[in-house]
Structures are given as C-alpha cells and as structure tokens.
Amino acid sequence: MLPDILEKARTVLTAPGDFYRHMPKSGGFVEPIIFMIVMAAVGAIILITFGFMGLGAMSALGVGIGSLIFMPIMAVIGSFIGGAVMFVIWKLMGTQEPFEVAYRCVAYASAIYPIVALIGLVPYIGSIVGVAWGMYLMFIATKEVHQLNEKTASMVFGILGVLLIISNISSEMAARRMSTEFEKMGPAMEKIQNMEPEEAGKMVGEFLKGLEKAQKEKSASE
C-alpha cells in the first residue's frame, strides 16, 4: 500500500494533470483518507523534527510528539470541510459530479503537505506556497475531473487564493506576536519574584495588555 501511496503523491506533485485526468471517481472514502493521513503524518514528522531543533513554528508553540496523532486527525476533519466547500463551488460552476469526487480531489491534493511543511520553515512563505499550490491543484481538478470552463476556473481560484493568502498571513503575523508575548513571560516571572508587589503588579498588567492586543489582532485577521 505504501508504494502505491508514494507513487500517487509523486504523480500529484510532478504531473497533476495526468493524475486528476485518470483519478478514479468512485471506490469509497477509505483510500483517499488513508492517503491524506500518511501525507499529514509525514508533514507532522517534519515539523516535529525541526521543532526539536528550535526551527519553525512548532518550537514556538511548544507542540510535541502528540501532534503526530493530532495533525492527521485534524487533516481528515479539514478534508471533509474542504471537500464540502469545493463541492458547493463546483456545483455553482456547473459540475454534475457527486460529493465523493470533490472529496477525492481535495484529499489527494494533500500530497503537497510534506513539501509545504519544509517550505514553512521560512516565515510566511509556507502559507503563500501552500495556498497557491493548493488552488492550482483545484484548478487542474476543475479542468480534468469536472470538465468545467478553464477561464472561469482560473478566475474563481485566483480570487479565492488571494483572499486565503491574505487571511493566512494576517493570522500568522498575529500568532507570532502572541508567541513573542508568551516567550517574554519566562524571564518576566523570574523578575517578578524579586520585585515589590506594586512593581510586580505593573509588569503583569503590561504583559496582559500585550497579550490582549495580540489576541485582538488575531481575531480581527480571522
């Protein structure tokens, strides 16, 4: 099974047109779900590895080995949400294909997860590349699987891609600010122990204000 999964991933990455042109439109959800779980697990391993090295967002968020289980589960849940969204979009564009086909298109696009995880070590680049690549694959799927108008597809996924990139960058900026506030908390707590009560209260108040500001910025970006 693993060689087949790896071969599918290679084809999605190197020849997406061929992959989606010959992608089976039926067969159930088990196969694409397993494919997505493997891709998400590989991506999680990459993030965890670099996190232990102090690189990437994983170290800043303090996420550990548990993410190896958590991330694939969230990927599967997200794939059904993404599949539902794409199903609606493709229906509005005129497709006659059922939900299973939409889900398969989304699930197999997860082949980019490991690559995006590596690129994501560079701040903001991972978000941009991940969204742009994902929208490109959905554009290819629109042409090859759903046989819909190419010009309409390029416009729809181009606009959607720009909106998602702006949203992701804004969220990442807010998350990094919040992470910075938490990192400041360690040294601050050591100082508080040696401070007078009034000074300690003032420092805690300033920290909470900074944390509240970061949280508001993150909420606004969402």
Foldseek 3Di string as FASTA:
>chain_A
DVVVLVVLLVCCVPPLLVSLLPPDQDDDDVVLLVSLLVLQLLLVVLLQVVLVVVFFCCVLVVDHPCCSVVRSVVSSVVLLVQLVVLQVVLVVQPFPRDSSNSSSLSSSLSSCSNVLSVLRSPPLRSQLVSLVSSLVSSLSNCCNPRVGDNVVSCVVSVVVSVLSSQLVNQLSVLVVQLSVLVVVVVVLVVVLVVDDPVVNVVVVVVSVVSNVVSVVSNVVSD
